[in-house]
């Protein structure tokens, strides 16, 4: 299993409500993209100086699934139309992809949000 982790720090003028909308949209994106096994997106719950505002964990069966996500037009539209315009610069985004052992894949996948559109997120905590 491959996990894509991305962290995003938004411009100061991006409101809390806008961040909630971004989180919701990011979560919903997972249902649109083949190869996404599960997705979890949440806000920073501590609010410590220097922390990023949101984190996304996206789970794929293999590196091919991740590459399909990278190349997917819905992903590109969301990244370049919503995420990137709301950060000061690309240095306010961090990402890493890593492989987890197969014996951990089912446990981690069960803990992650299912690949379906959000149905009740209220913008509370880390989600």
C-alpha atoms as a PDB file:
ATOM      1  CA  UNK A   1       0.000   0.000   0.000  1.00  0.00           C
ATOM      2  CA  UNK A   2       1.203   3.488  -0.861  1.00  0.00           C
ATOM      3  CA  UNK A   3       0.290   6.499   1.292  1.00  0.00           C
ATOM      4  CA  UNK A   4       0.440  10.045  -0.045  1.00  0.00           C
ATOM      5  CA  UNK A   5       0.681  12.630   2.739  1.00  0.00           C
ATOM      6  CA  UNK A   6       0.368  16.325   1.934  1.00  0.00           C
ATOM      7  CA  UNK A   7       0.390  19.328   4.249  1.00  0.00           C
ATOM      8  CA  UNK A   8      -0.968  22.749   3.317  1.00  0.00           C
ATOM      9  CA  UNK A   9      -0.448  26.174   4.938  1.00  0.00           C
ATOM     10  CA  UNK A  10      -2.938  28.749   3.656  1.00  0.00           C
ATOM     11  CA  UNK A  11      -2.658  32.502   3.246  1.00  0.00           C
ATOM     12  CA  UNK A  12      -3.663  34.505   6.321  1.00  0.00           C
ATOM     13  CA  UNK A  13      -6.719  35.898   4.532  1.00  0.00           C
ATOM     14  CA  UNK A  14      -8.193  32.416   3.958  1.00  0.00           C
ATOM     15  CA  UNK A  15     -11.046  32.175   6.471  1.00  0.00           C
ATOM     16  CA  UNK A  16     -11.882  29.270   8.733  1.00  0.00           C
ATOM     17  CA  UNK A  17     -15.046  28.677   6.704  1.00  0.00           C
ATOM     18  CA  UNK A  18     -13.033  28.579   3.493  1.00  0.00           C
ATOM     19  CA  UNK A  19     -10.664  26.037   5.051  1.00  0.00           C
ATOM     20  CA  UNK A  20     -13.659  23.897   6.081  1.00  0.00           C
ATOM     21  CA  UNK A  21     -14.864  24.045   2.459  1.00  0.00           C
ATOM     22  CA  UNK A  22     -11.398  23.102   1.188  1.00  0.00           C
ATOM     23  CA  UNK A  23     -11.256  20.107   3.551  1.00  0.00           C
ATOM     24  CA  UNK A  24     -14.721  18.989   2.449  1.00  0.00           C
ATOM     25  CA  UNK A  25     -13.857  19.347  -1.227  1.00  0.00           C
ATOM     26  CA  UNK A  26     -10.578  17.504  -0.780  1.00  0.00           C
ATOM     27  CA  UNK A  27     -12.385  14.628   0.945  1.00  0.00           C
ATOM     28  CA  UNK A  28     -14.994  14.483  -1.817  1.00  0.00           C
ATOM     29  CA  UNK A  29     -12.230  14.404  -4.431  1.00  0.00           C
ATOM     30  CA  UNK A  30     -11.274  10.884  -3.338  1.00  0.00           C
ATOM     31  CA  UNK A  31     -14.608   9.461  -4.499  1.00  0.00           C
ATOM     32  CA  UNK A  32     -14.038  10.812  -8.008  1.00  0.00           C
ATOM     33  CA  UNK A  33     -10.636   9.266  -8.659  1.00  0.00           C
ATOM     34  CA  UNK A  34     -10.110   5.606  -9.528  1.00  0.00           C
ATOM     35  CA  UNK A  35      -7.305   4.002  -7.555  1.00  0.00           C
ATOM     36  CA  UNK A  36      -7.940   5.921  -4.332  1.00  0.00           C
ATOM     37  CA  UNK A  37      -8.538   3.251  -1.709  1.00  0.00           C
ATOM     38  CA  UNK A  38      -9.276   5.635   1.172  1.00  0.00           C
ATOM     39  CA  UNK A  39      -8.783   9.290   2.039  1.00  0.00           C
ATOM     40  CA  UNK A  40      -8.559  11.237   5.281  1.00  0.00           C
ATOM     41  CA  UNK A  41      -8.271  15.031   5.331  1.00  0.00           C
ATOM     42  CA  UNK A  42      -8.349  17.153   8.447  1.00  0.00           C
ATOM     43  CA  UNK A  43      -7.514  20.491   9.986  1.00  0.00           C
ATOM     44  CA  UNK A  44      -4.700  21.060  12.419  1.00  0.00           C
ATOM     45  CA  UNK A  45      -6.301  20.721  15.838  1.00  0.00           C
ATOM     46  CA  UNK A  46      -3.538  22.401  17.851  1.00  0.00           C
ATOM     47  CA  UNK A  47      -3.050  25.642  15.959  1.00  0.00           C
ATOM     48  CA  UNK A  48       0.582  25.913  16.975  1.00  0.00           C
ATOM     49  CA  UNK A  49       2.673  28.572  15.258  1.00  0.00           C
ATOM     50  CA  UNK A  50       4.351  27.136  12.198  1.00  0.00           C
ATOM     51  CA  UNK A  51       1.961  24.217  11.815  1.00  0.00           C
ATOM     52  CA  UNK A  52       0.275  23.603   8.495  1.00  0.00           C
ATOM     53  CA  UNK A  53      -3.483  24.197   8.339  1.00  0.00           C
ATOM     54  CA  UNK A  54      -4.573  20.853   6.882  1.00  0.00           C
ATOM     55  CA  UNK A  55      -3.166  17.404   6.226  1.00  0.00           C
ATOM     56  CA  UNK A  56      -4.316  14.806   3.723  1.00  0.00           C
ATOM     57  CA  UNK A  57      -3.579  11.088   3.791  1.00  0.00           C
ATOM     58  CA  UNK A  58      -4.555   9.272   0.627  1.00  0.00           C
ATOM     59  CA  UNK A  59      -4.197   5.500   0.370  1.00  0.00           C
ATOM     60  CA  UNK A  60      -3.507   3.533  -2.833  1.00  0.00           C
ATOM     61  CA  UNK A  61      -3.006  -0.153  -3.493  1.00  0.00           C
ATOM     62  CA  UNK A  62       0.182   0.497  -5.432  1.00  0.00           C
ATOM     63  CA  UNK A  63       2.380   3.156  -7.003  1.00  0.00           C
ATOM     64  CA  UNK A  64       0.378   2.919 -10.233  1.00  0.00           C
ATOM     65  CA  UNK A  65      -2.741   3.984  -8.321  1.00  0.00           C
ATOM     66  CA  UNK A  66      -0.843   6.944  -6.916  1.00  0.00           C
ATOM     67  CA  UNK A  67       0.424   7.922 -10.372  1.00  0.00           C
ATOM     68  CA  UNK A  68      -3.122   7.717 -11.761  1.00  0.00           C
ATOM     69  CA  UNK A  69      -4.182  10.126  -8.993  1.00  0.00           C
ATOM     70  CA  UNK A  70      -1.335  12.525  -9.825  1.00  0.00           C
ATOM     71  CA  UNK A  71      -2.353  12.570 -13.497  1.00  0.00           C
ATOM     72  CA  UNK A  72      -6.131  12.662 -12.907  1.00  0.00           C
ATOM     73  CA  UNK A  73      -7.828  15.803 -14.245  1.00  0.00           C
ATOM     74  CA  UNK A  74     -10.118  16.166 -11.193  1.00  0.00           C
ATOM     75  CA  UNK A  75      -7.026  16.148  -8.951  1.00  0.00           C
ATOM     76  CA  UNK A  76      -5.207  18.645 -11.159  1.00  0.00           C
ATOM     77  CA  UNK A  77      -8.249  20.930 -11.283  1.00  0.00           C
ATOM     78  CA  UNK A  78      -8.573  20.878  -7.478  1.00  0.00           C
ATOM     79  CA  UNK A  79      -4.865  21.355  -6.850  1.00  0.00           C
ATOM     80  CA  UNK A  80      -4.408  24.221  -9.300  1.00  0.00           C
ATOM     81  CA  UNK A  81      -7.892  25.723  -8.937  1.00  0.00           C
ATOM     82  CA  UNK A  82      -8.403  25.542  -5.162  1.00  0.00           C
ATOM     83  CA  UNK A  83      -5.368  24.476  -3.149  1.00  0.00           C
ATOM     84  CA  UNK A  84      -2.422  26.251  -4.763  1.00  0.00           C
ATOM     85  CA  UNK A  85      -4.153  29.654  -5.202  1.00  0.00           C
ATOM     86  CA  UNK A  86      -4.781  29.711  -1.429  1.00  0.00           C
ATOM     87  CA  UNK A  87      -1.157  29.227  -0.323  1.00  0.00           C
ATOM     88  CA  UNK A  88       1.584  31.868  -0.301  1.00  0.00           C
ATOM     89  CA  UNK A  89       3.929  29.704  -2.357  1.00  0.00           C
ATOM     90  CA  UNK A  90       4.840  26.091  -3.012  1.00  0.00           C
ATOM     91  CA  UNK A  91       7.101  26.164   0.049  1.00  0.00           C
ATOM     92  CA  UNK A  92       3.845  26.234   2.090  1.00  0.00           C
ATOM     93  CA  UNK A  93       3.046  22.729   0.864  1.00  0.00           C
ATOM     94  CA  UNK A  94       4.865  19.590   1.878  1.00  0.00           C
ATOM     95  CA  UNK A  95       4.328  16.069   0.599  1.00  0.00           C
ATOM     96  CA  UNK A  96       5.744  12.592   0.886  1.00  0.00           C
ATOM     97  CA  UNK A  97       4.731   9.217  -0.473  1.00  0.00           C
ATOM     98  CA  UNK A  98       5.661   6.086   1.425  1.00  0.00           C
ATOM     99  CA  UNK A  99       4.969   2.387   1.398  1.00  0.00           C
ATOM    100  CA  UNK A 100       3.485   0.588   4.366  1.00  0.00           C
ATOM    101  CA  UNK A 101       3.760  -3.153   4.977  1.00  0.00           C
ATOM    102  CA  UNK A 102       0.842  -5.148   3.629  1.00  0.00           C
ATOM    103  CA  UNK A 103       0.090  -6.547   7.086  1.00  0.00           C
ATOM    104  CA  UNK A 104      -0.645  -2.984   8.218  1.00  0.00           C
ATOM    105  CA  UNK A 105      -2.603  -2.032   5.096  1.00  0.00           C
ATOM    106  CA  UNK A 106      -5.983  -3.399   6.195  1.00  0.00           C
ATOM    107  CA  UNK A 107      -5.764  -1.879   9.664  1.00  0.00           C
ATOM    108  CA  UNK A 108      -4.771   1.538   8.349  1.00  0.00           C
ATOM    109  CA  UNK A 109      -7.342   1.424   5.576  1.00  0.00           C
ATOM    110  CA  UNK A 110     -10.078   0.577   8.111  1.00  0.00           C
ATOM    111  CA  UNK A 111      -9.083   3.612  10.201  1.00  0.00           C
ATOM    112  CA  UNK A 112      -9.110   5.980   7.208  1.00  0.00           C
ATOM    113  CA  UNK A 113     -12.196   7.685   5.875  1.00  0.00           C
ATOM    114  CA  UNK A 114     -13.986   5.593   3.245  1.00  0.00           C
ATOM    115  CA  UNK A 115     -13.739   6.705  -0.348  1.00  0.00           C
ATOM    116  CA  UNK A 116     -17.110   8.423  -0.537  1.00  0.00           C
ATOM    117  CA  UNK A 117     -18.252  12.047  -0.539  1.00  0.00           C
ATOM    118  CA  UNK A 118     -18.429  13.779   2.821  1.00  0.00           C
ATOM    119  CA  UNK A 119     -21.835  13.492   4.472  1.00  0.00           C
ATOM    120  CA  UNK A 120     -21.782  15.605   7.583  1.00  0.00           C
ATOM    121  CA  UNK A 121     -18.404  17.156   8.302  1.00  0.00           C
ATOM    122  CA  UNK A 122     -19.005  20.214  10.414  1.00  0.00           C
ATOM    123  CA  UNK A 123     -15.489  21.638  10.453  1.00  0.00           C
ATOM    124  CA  UNK A 124     -14.749  20.572  13.989  1.00  0.00           C
ATOM    125  CA  UNK A 125     -11.279  19.538  15.101  1.00  0.00           C
ATOM    126  CA  UNK A 126      -8.957  17.433  13.039  1.00  0.00           C
ATOM    127  CA  UNK A 127     -11.685  15.286  11.467  1.00  0.00           C
END
